[in-house]
Structures are given as C-alpha cells and as structure tokens.
C-alpha atoms as a PDB file:
ATOM      1  CA  UNK A   1     -25.404  11.885   9.099  1.00  0.00           C
ATOM      2  CA  UNK A   2     -23.211  13.942   6.773  1.00  0.00           C
ATOM      3  CA  UNK A   3     -21.268  11.911   4.216  1.00  0.00           C
ATOM      4  CA  UNK A   4     -18.148  13.871   5.123  1.00  0.00           C
ATOM      5  CA  UNK A   5     -18.478  12.949   8.807  1.00  0.00           C
ATOM      6  CA  UNK A   6     -18.717   9.169   9.087  1.00  0.00           C
ATOM      7  CA  UNK A   7     -19.171   7.706  12.549  1.00  0.00           C
ATOM      8  CA  UNK A   8     -16.795   5.023  13.793  1.00  0.00           C
ATOM      9  CA  UNK A   9     -18.370   1.593  13.937  1.00  0.00           C
ATOM     10  CA  UNK A  10     -21.255   2.687  11.735  1.00  0.00           C
ATOM     11  CA  UNK A  11     -22.604   0.806   8.738  1.00  0.00           C
ATOM     12  CA  UNK A  12     -21.125   3.549   6.547  1.00  0.00           C
ATOM     13  CA  UNK A  13     -17.670   2.967   7.972  1.00  0.00           C
ATOM     14  CA  UNK A  14     -17.900  -0.783   7.457  1.00  0.00           C
ATOM     15  CA  UNK A  15     -19.055  -0.184   3.888  1.00  0.00           C
ATOM     16  CA  UNK A  16     -16.112   2.166   3.310  1.00  0.00           C
ATOM     17  CA  UNK A  17     -13.629  -0.418   4.562  1.00  0.00           C
ATOM     18  CA  UNK A  18     -15.191  -3.168   2.441  1.00  0.00           C
ATOM     19  CA  UNK A  19     -14.915  -0.962  -0.663  1.00  0.00           C
ATOM     20  CA  UNK A  20     -11.294  -0.087   0.077  1.00  0.00           C
ATOM     21  CA  UNK A  21     -10.499  -3.748   0.781  1.00  0.00           C
ATOM     22  CA  UNK A  22     -12.030  -4.869  -2.538  1.00  0.00           C
ATOM     23  CA  UNK A  23     -10.200  -2.138  -4.450  1.00  0.00           C
ATOM     24  CA  UNK A  24      -6.850  -3.133  -2.938  1.00  0.00           C
ATOM     25  CA  UNK A  25      -7.359  -6.815  -3.735  1.00  0.00           C
ATOM     26  CA  UNK A  26      -8.220  -5.914  -7.340  1.00  0.00           C
ATOM     27  CA  UNK A  27      -5.255  -3.581  -7.756  1.00  0.00           C
ATOM     28  CA  UNK A  28      -2.882  -6.135  -6.168  1.00  0.00           C
ATOM     29  CA  UNK A  29      -3.957  -8.745  -8.732  1.00  0.00           C
ATOM     30  CA  UNK A  30      -3.410  -6.159 -11.477  1.00  0.00           C
ATOM     31  CA  UNK A  31       0.073  -5.329 -10.191  1.00  0.00           C
ATOM     32  CA  UNK A  32       1.113  -8.984  -9.957  1.00  0.00           C
ATOM     33  CA  UNK A  33      -0.176  -9.784 -13.448  1.00  0.00           C
ATOM     34  CA  UNK A  34       1.431  -6.773 -15.107  1.00  0.00           C
ATOM     35  CA  UNK A  35       4.586  -7.130 -12.990  1.00  0.00           C
ATOM     36  CA  UNK A  36       5.165 -10.675 -14.238  1.00  0.00           C
ATOM     37  CA  UNK A  37       4.247  -9.701 -17.813  1.00  0.00           C
ATOM     38  CA  UNK A  38       6.490  -6.603 -17.775  1.00  0.00           C
ATOM     39  CA  UNK A  39       9.305  -8.186 -15.728  1.00  0.00           C
ATOM     40  CA  UNK A  40       9.027  -5.223 -13.353  1.00  0.00           C
ATOM     41  CA  UNK A  41      10.279  -5.377  -9.784  1.00  0.00           C
ATOM     42  CA  UNK A  42       8.478  -2.086  -9.037  1.00  0.00           C
ATOM     43  CA  UNK A  43       5.089  -3.440 -10.151  1.00  0.00           C
ATOM     44  CA  UNK A  44       5.529  -6.676  -8.199  1.00  0.00           C
ATOM     45  CA  UNK A  45       6.609  -4.633  -5.166  1.00  0.00           C
ATOM     46  CA  UNK A  46       3.418  -2.610  -5.358  1.00  0.00           C
ATOM     47  CA  UNK A  47       1.427  -5.831  -5.764  1.00  0.00           C
ATOM     48  CA  UNK A  48       2.900  -7.116  -2.497  1.00  0.00           C
ATOM     49  CA  UNK A  49       2.241  -3.745  -0.896  1.00  0.00           C
ATOM     50  CA  UNK A  50      -1.411  -3.727  -1.920  1.00  0.00           C
ATOM     51  CA  UNK A  51      -1.792  -7.321  -0.699  1.00  0.00           C
ATOM     52  CA  UNK A  52      -0.539  -6.273   2.729  1.00  0.00           C
ATOM     53  CA  UNK A  53      -2.881  -3.265   2.546  1.00  0.00           C
ATOM     54  CA  UNK A  54      -5.827  -5.581   1.896  1.00  0.00           C
ATOM     55  CA  UNK A  55      -4.903  -7.555   4.992  1.00  0.00           C
ATOM     56  CA  UNK A  56      -4.776  -4.329   7.014  1.00  0.00           C
ATOM     57  CA  UNK A  57      -8.278  -3.385   5.881  1.00  0.00           C
ATOM     58  CA  UNK A  58      -9.512  -6.870   6.772  1.00  0.00           C
ATOM     59  CA  UNK A  59      -7.972  -6.485  10.243  1.00  0.00           C
ATOM     60  CA  UNK A  60      -9.571  -3.051  10.534  1.00  0.00           C
ATOM     61  CA  UNK A  61     -12.982  -4.549   9.765  1.00  0.00           C
ATOM     62  CA  UNK A  62     -12.457  -7.164  12.467  1.00  0.00           C
ATOM     63  CA  UNK A  63     -11.298  -4.467  14.877  1.00  0.00           C
ATOM     64  CA  UNK A  64     -14.490  -2.408  14.527  1.00  0.00           C
ATOM     65  CA  UNK A  65     -16.303  -4.397  17.182  1.00  0.00           C
ATOM     66  CA  UNK A  66     -13.248  -5.101  19.351  1.00  0.00           C
ATOM     67  CA  UNK A  67     -11.654  -3.272  22.258  1.00  0.00           C
ATOM     68  CA  UNK A  68      -8.661  -0.898  22.161  1.00  0.00           C
ATOM     69  CA  UNK A  69      -6.145  -3.630  23.058  1.00  0.00           C
ATOM     70  CA  UNK A  70      -7.252  -5.799  20.123  1.00  0.00           C
ATOM     71  CA  UNK A  71      -7.159  -2.790  17.792  1.00  0.00           C
ATOM     72  CA  UNK A  72      -3.610  -1.900  18.834  1.00  0.00           C
ATOM     73  CA  UNK A  73      -2.594  -5.521  18.317  1.00  0.00           C
ATOM     74  CA  UNK A  74      -4.056  -5.502  14.811  1.00  0.00           C
ATOM     75  CA  UNK A  75      -2.210  -2.272  14.027  1.00  0.00           C
ATOM     76  CA  UNK A  76       1.064  -3.791  15.280  1.00  0.00           C
ATOM     77  CA  UNK A  77       0.558  -6.779  12.983  1.00  0.00           C
ATOM     78  CA  UNK A  78       0.005  -4.345  10.112  1.00  0.00           C
ATOM     79  CA  UNK A  79       3.222  -2.478  10.900  1.00  0.00           C
ATOM     80  CA  UNK A  80       5.261  -5.677  11.159  1.00  0.00           C
ATOM     81  CA  UNK A  81       3.844  -6.909   7.837  1.00  0.00           C
ATOM     82  CA  UNK A  82       4.991  -3.683   6.187  1.00  0.00           C
ATOM     83  CA  UNK A  83       8.517  -4.172   7.521  1.00  0.00           C
ATOM     84  CA  UNK A  84       8.589  -7.783   6.259  1.00  0.00           C
ATOM     85  CA  UNK A  85       7.279  -6.626   2.885  1.00  0.00           C
ATOM     86  CA  UNK A  86      10.032  -4.007   2.648  1.00  0.00           C
ATOM     87  CA  UNK A  87      12.739  -6.623   3.218  1.00  0.00           C
ATOM     88  CA  UNK A  88      11.175  -8.913   0.591  1.00  0.00           C
ATOM     89  CA  UNK A  89      11.147  -6.138  -2.012  1.00  0.00           C
ATOM     90  CA  UNK A  90      14.808  -5.329  -1.340  1.00  0.00           C
ATOM     91  CA  UNK A  91      15.734  -8.991  -1.798  1.00  0.00           C
ATOM     92  CA  UNK A  92      13.820  -9.159  -5.117  1.00  0.00           C
ATOM     93  CA  UNK A  93      15.442  -5.944  -6.397  1.00  0.00           C
ATOM     94  CA  UNK A  94      18.869  -7.283  -5.459  1.00  0.00           C
ATOM     95  CA  UNK A  95      18.180 -10.541  -7.283  1.00  0.00           C
ATOM     96  CA  UNK A  96      17.114  -8.692 -10.432  1.00  0.00           C
ATOM     97  CA  UNK A  97      20.171  -6.435 -10.220  1.00  0.00           C
ATOM     98  CA  UNK A  98      22.466  -9.478 -10.194  1.00  0.00           C
ATOM     99  CA  UNK A  99      20.522 -11.684 -12.633  1.00  0.00           C
ATOM    100  CA  UNK A 100      19.312  -8.865 -14.868  1.00  0.00           C
ATOM    101  CA  UNK A 101      15.798  -8.010 -16.051  1.00  0.00           C
ATOM    102  CA  UNK A 102      14.055  -6.351 -18.999  1.00  0.00           C
ATOM    103  CA  UNK A 103      11.099  -4.320 -17.680  1.00  0.00           C
ATOM    104  CA  UNK A 104       8.514  -2.857 -20.067  1.00  0.00           C
ATOM    105  CA  UNK A 105       8.235   0.875 -19.390  1.00  0.00           C
ATOM    106  CA  UNK A 106       4.895   1.395 -21.141  1.00  0.00           C
ATOM    107  CA  UNK A 107       3.160  -1.277 -19.060  1.00  0.00           C
ATOM    108  CA  UNK A 108       4.632   0.220 -15.891  1.00  0.00           C
ATOM    109  CA  UNK A 109       3.292   3.668 -16.749  1.00  0.00           C
ATOM    110  CA  UNK A 110      -0.211   2.500 -17.675  1.00  0.00           C
ATOM    111  CA  UNK A 111      -0.536   0.425 -14.495  1.00  0.00           C
ATOM    112  CA  UNK A 112       0.787   3.304 -12.380  1.00  0.00           C
ATOM    113  CA  UNK A 113      -1.872   5.696 -13.705  1.00  0.00           C
ATOM    114  CA  UNK A 114      -4.684   3.177 -13.096  1.00  0.00           C
ATOM    115  CA  UNK A 115      -3.429   2.394  -9.589  1.00  0.00           C
ATOM    116  CA  UNK A 116      -3.008   6.084  -8.726  1.00  0.00           C
ATOM    117  CA  UNK A 117      -6.678   6.662  -9.543  1.00  0.00           C
ATOM    118  CA  UNK A 118      -7.751   3.717  -7.384  1.00  0.00           C
ATOM    119  CA  UNK A 119      -5.533   4.777  -4.459  1.00  0.00           C
ATOM    120  CA  UNK A 120      -6.775   8.358  -4.657  1.00  0.00           C
ATOM    121  CA  UNK A 121     -10.329   7.023  -4.423  1.00  0.00           C
ATOM    122  CA  UNK A 122      -9.336   4.955  -1.361  1.00  0.00           C
ATOM    123  CA  UNK A 123      -7.766   8.009   0.281  1.00  0.00           C
ATOM    124  CA  UNK A 124     -10.876  10.112  -0.301  1.00  0.00           C
ATOM    125  CA  UNK A 125     -13.065   7.408   1.246  1.00  0.00           C
ATOM    126  CA  UNK A 126     -10.788   6.990   4.277  1.00  0.00           C
ATOM    127  CA  UNK A 127     -10.426  10.733   4.881  1.00  0.00           C
ATOM    128  CA  UNK A 128     -14.214  10.964   5.293  1.00  0.00           C
ATOM    129  CA  UNK A 129     -14.017   8.915   8.500  1.00  0.00           C
ATOM    130  CA  UNK A 130     -14.399  11.043  11.631  1.00  0.00           C
ATOM    131  CA  UNK A 131     -12.072  10.442  14.623  1.00  0.00           C
ATOM    132  CA  UNK A 132     -10.118   7.508  13.131  1.00  0.00           C
ATOM    133  CA  UNK A 133      -8.685   4.922  15.511  1.00  0.00           C
ATOM    134  CA  UNK A 134      -5.187   3.444  15.213  1.00  0.00           C
ATOM    135  CA  UNK A 135      -6.279   0.944  12.561  1.00  0.00           C
ATOM    136  CA  UNK A 136      -7.957   3.565  10.410  1.00  0.00           C
ATOM    137  CA  UNK A 137      -4.851   5.744  10.640  1.00  0.00           C
ATOM    138  CA  UNK A 138      -2.783   2.736   9.571  1.00  0.00           C
ATOM    139  CA  UNK A 139      -5.111   2.158   6.606  1.00  0.00           C
ATOM    140  CA  UNK A 140      -4.777   5.810   5.585  1.00  0.00           C
ATOM    141  CA  UNK A 141      -0.974   5.591   5.859  1.00  0.00           C
ATOM    142  CA  UNK A 142      -0.987   2.569   3.566  1.00  0.00           C
ATOM    143  CA  UNK A 143      -3.129   4.249   0.902  1.00  0.00           C
ATOM    144  CA  UNK A 144      -1.045   7.437   1.003  1.00  0.00           C
ATOM    145  CA  UNK A 145       2.168   5.399   0.621  1.00  0.00           C
ATOM    146  CA  UNK A 146       0.629   3.592  -2.354  1.00  0.00           C
ATOM    147  CA  UNK A 147      -0.285   6.870  -4.020  1.00  0.00           C
ATOM    148  CA  UNK A 148       3.307   8.111  -3.708  1.00  0.00           C
ATOM    149  CA  UNK A 149       4.628   4.769  -4.991  1.00  0.00           C
ATOM    150  CA  UNK A 150       2.404   5.013  -8.072  1.00  0.00           C
ATOM    151  CA  UNK A 151       4.059   8.324  -8.948  1.00  0.00           C
ATOM    152  CA  UNK A 152       7.459   6.682  -8.611  1.00  0.00           C
ATOM    153  CA  UNK A 153       6.444   3.844 -10.927  1.00  0.00           C
ATOM    154  CA  UNK A 154       5.186   6.352 -13.497  1.00  0.00           C
ATOM    155  CA  UNK A 155       8.541   8.164 -13.507  1.00  0.00           C
ATOM    156  CA  UNK A 156      10.489   4.888 -13.418  1.00  0.00           C
ATOM    157  CA  UNK A 157       8.506   3.502 -16.349  1.00  0.00           C
ATOM    158  CA  UNK A 158       9.195   6.646 -18.335  1.00  0.00           C
ATOM    159  CA  UNK A 159      12.941   6.349 -17.658  1.00  0.00           C
ATOM    160  CA  UNK A 160      12.947   2.649 -18.575  1.00  0.00           C
ATOM    161  CA  UNK A 161      11.217   3.518 -21.842  1.00  0.00           C
ATOM    162  CA  UNK A 162      13.583   6.392 -22.546  1.00  0.00           C
ATOM    163  CA  UNK A 163      16.891   4.809 -21.507  1.00  0.00           C
ATOM    164  CA  UNK A 164      16.174   1.166 -22.339  1.00  0.00           C
ATOM    165  CA  UNK A 165      17.719   0.046 -19.025  1.00  0.00           C
ATOM    166  CA  UNK A 166      16.359  -1.752 -15.963  1.00  0.00           C
ATOM    167  CA  UNK A 167      17.925   0.355 -13.201  1.00  0.00           C
ATOM    168  CA  UNK A 168      15.026   2.876 -12.932  1.00  0.00           C
ATOM    169  CA  UNK A 169      12.658  -0.040 -12.212  1.00  0.00           C
ATOM    170  CA  UNK A 170      14.974  -1.308  -9.472  1.00  0.00           C
ATOM    171  CA  UNK A 171      15.427   2.163  -7.976  1.00  0.00           C
ATOM    172  CA  UNK A 172      11.643   2.594  -7.765  1.00  0.00           C
ATOM    173  CA  UNK A 173      11.287  -0.842  -6.134  1.00  0.00           C
ATOM    174  CA  UNK A 174      13.878   0.118  -3.503  1.00  0.00           C
ATOM    175  CA  UNK A 175      12.088   3.446  -3.007  1.00  0.00           C
ATOM    176  CA  UNK A 176       8.797   1.620  -2.439  1.00  0.00           C
ATOM    177  CA  UNK A 177      10.552  -0.586   0.127  1.00  0.00           C
ATOM    178  CA  UNK A 178      11.878   2.489   1.963  1.00  0.00           C
ATOM    179  CA  UNK A 179       8.412   4.082   1.998  1.00  0.00           C
ATOM    180  CA  UNK A 180       6.937   0.822   3.315  1.00  0.00           C
ATOM    181  CA  UNK A 181       9.610   0.583   6.021  1.00  0.00           C
ATOM    182  CA  UNK A 182       8.922   4.177   7.108  1.00  0.00           C
ATOM    183  CA  UNK A 183       5.161   3.505   7.137  1.00  0.00           C
ATOM    184  CA  UNK A 184       5.624   0.350   9.210  1.00  0.00           C
ATOM    185  CA  UNK A 185       7.691   2.216  11.809  1.00  0.00           C
ATOM    186  CA  UNK A 186       5.089   5.013  11.965  1.00  0.00           C
ATOM    187  CA  UNK A 187       2.236   2.533  12.491  1.00  0.00           C
ATOM    188  CA  UNK A 188       4.132   0.715  15.266  1.00  0.00           C
ATOM    189  CA  UNK A 189       4.967   4.054  16.897  1.00  0.00           C
ATOM    190  CA  UNK A 190       1.322   5.152  16.670  1.00  0.00           C
ATOM    191  CA  UNK A 191       0.132   1.906  18.285  1.00  0.00           C
ATOM    192  CA  UNK A 192       2.734   2.223  21.045  1.00  0.00           C
ATOM    193  CA  UNK A 193       1.850   5.877  21.668  1.00  0.00           C
ATOM    194  CA  UNK A 194      -1.873   5.089  21.876  1.00  0.00           C
ATOM    195  CA  UNK A 195      -1.195   2.283  24.368  1.00  0.00           C
ATOM    196  CA  UNK A 196       0.208   4.885  26.778  1.00  0.00           C
ATOM    197  CA  UNK A 197      -3.011   6.967  26.745  1.00  0.00           C
END
C-alpha cells in the first residue's frame, strides 16, 4: 500500500490516529504550562482546544470498528465539545479583560512556533488518509483550526511584546473561540449531512 493512500480501518490508519492523539496531548500540556506561566489567555485557550482535539482522536479510534451511526454520534459529540470550548474561552477572556492580566509575549511566540510545527505534522499525517469518514474529517478540521490559531498567537505575542499591553492576547483568545465555534458548526453540519445519505 502506498504511504500516501492509507486505507480506512487499516493498521496504518490506527497508527496515524495514535500518533496524532499523542501529539495533541503533549501540545495541550505544553500550552497549559506555558499559559499559566505567561498569564496568557490565548495559550490556555489553545491548551483547551488541543485537549478537545485529543478527545476527538480518541473517539475516532473507537469509531474505526463501529458502524456509521456510531461514527456520526462521535462526530456530533466532537462538534458539541468545540462549541462548549468556545464559550469557555470567551468567559476566560472576559474575566481577564475585567481583572487584568500581564501576558509574556516571548513565551507566547515560542510556544506558537513549536505548536505550529506539531500541528502541521498532524495535518500531513491526516491528509494521507484515503476516503476519510466524518470523524476523520472532524479530526482534520481540528488540526487545521489549531494551525491557524498558532499563527494568531505568534502575531498576538509579538504585539504584546511590542506594545506592553494585554489586549492582543485577549483578541487572539477570542479569535480562537470564533474559529472553534465555526469548526464545531461545520462538524455538526457534516454529521447531519452524512446522516441523510
């Protein structure tokens, strides 16, 4: 079998999902640690996002040997989790706006670059899968959203460093929440559309 043409349900696909799952757990821990250290809402938001991603990949692994109904159900759970995550990030950003925060721009930028590399690797692995089902499409959506979010954190960290203010960190966190909300809606729509066919 060609490496660029993975078969659904194959050992290669399971291995790919396990790798992506492990990478997302590792990067989530990194985001949480640096987010607390750097007092960054954007980093913590991405940590929550990657945690929800890891759960999606775990659901995708479980769905490999299940029927279409179970797979659509798992995808719906993934979409709902993204929507809940988005609300949580907005609440945290609002709290930091009112209470104030002092994010460290350099830490934000370094973590963003590391995470972007990891998410790009995840995307490459997931794009190799041939004829992805609804769960694999959800997983790809999550990784693509993360990659975009990493770019936002990089810019936000640079602005925090340059301006010495916390608002770029909060703007990026809100942006991540909006991306997550959009991704959650797309996943739910995909699952609903597939249920009709």
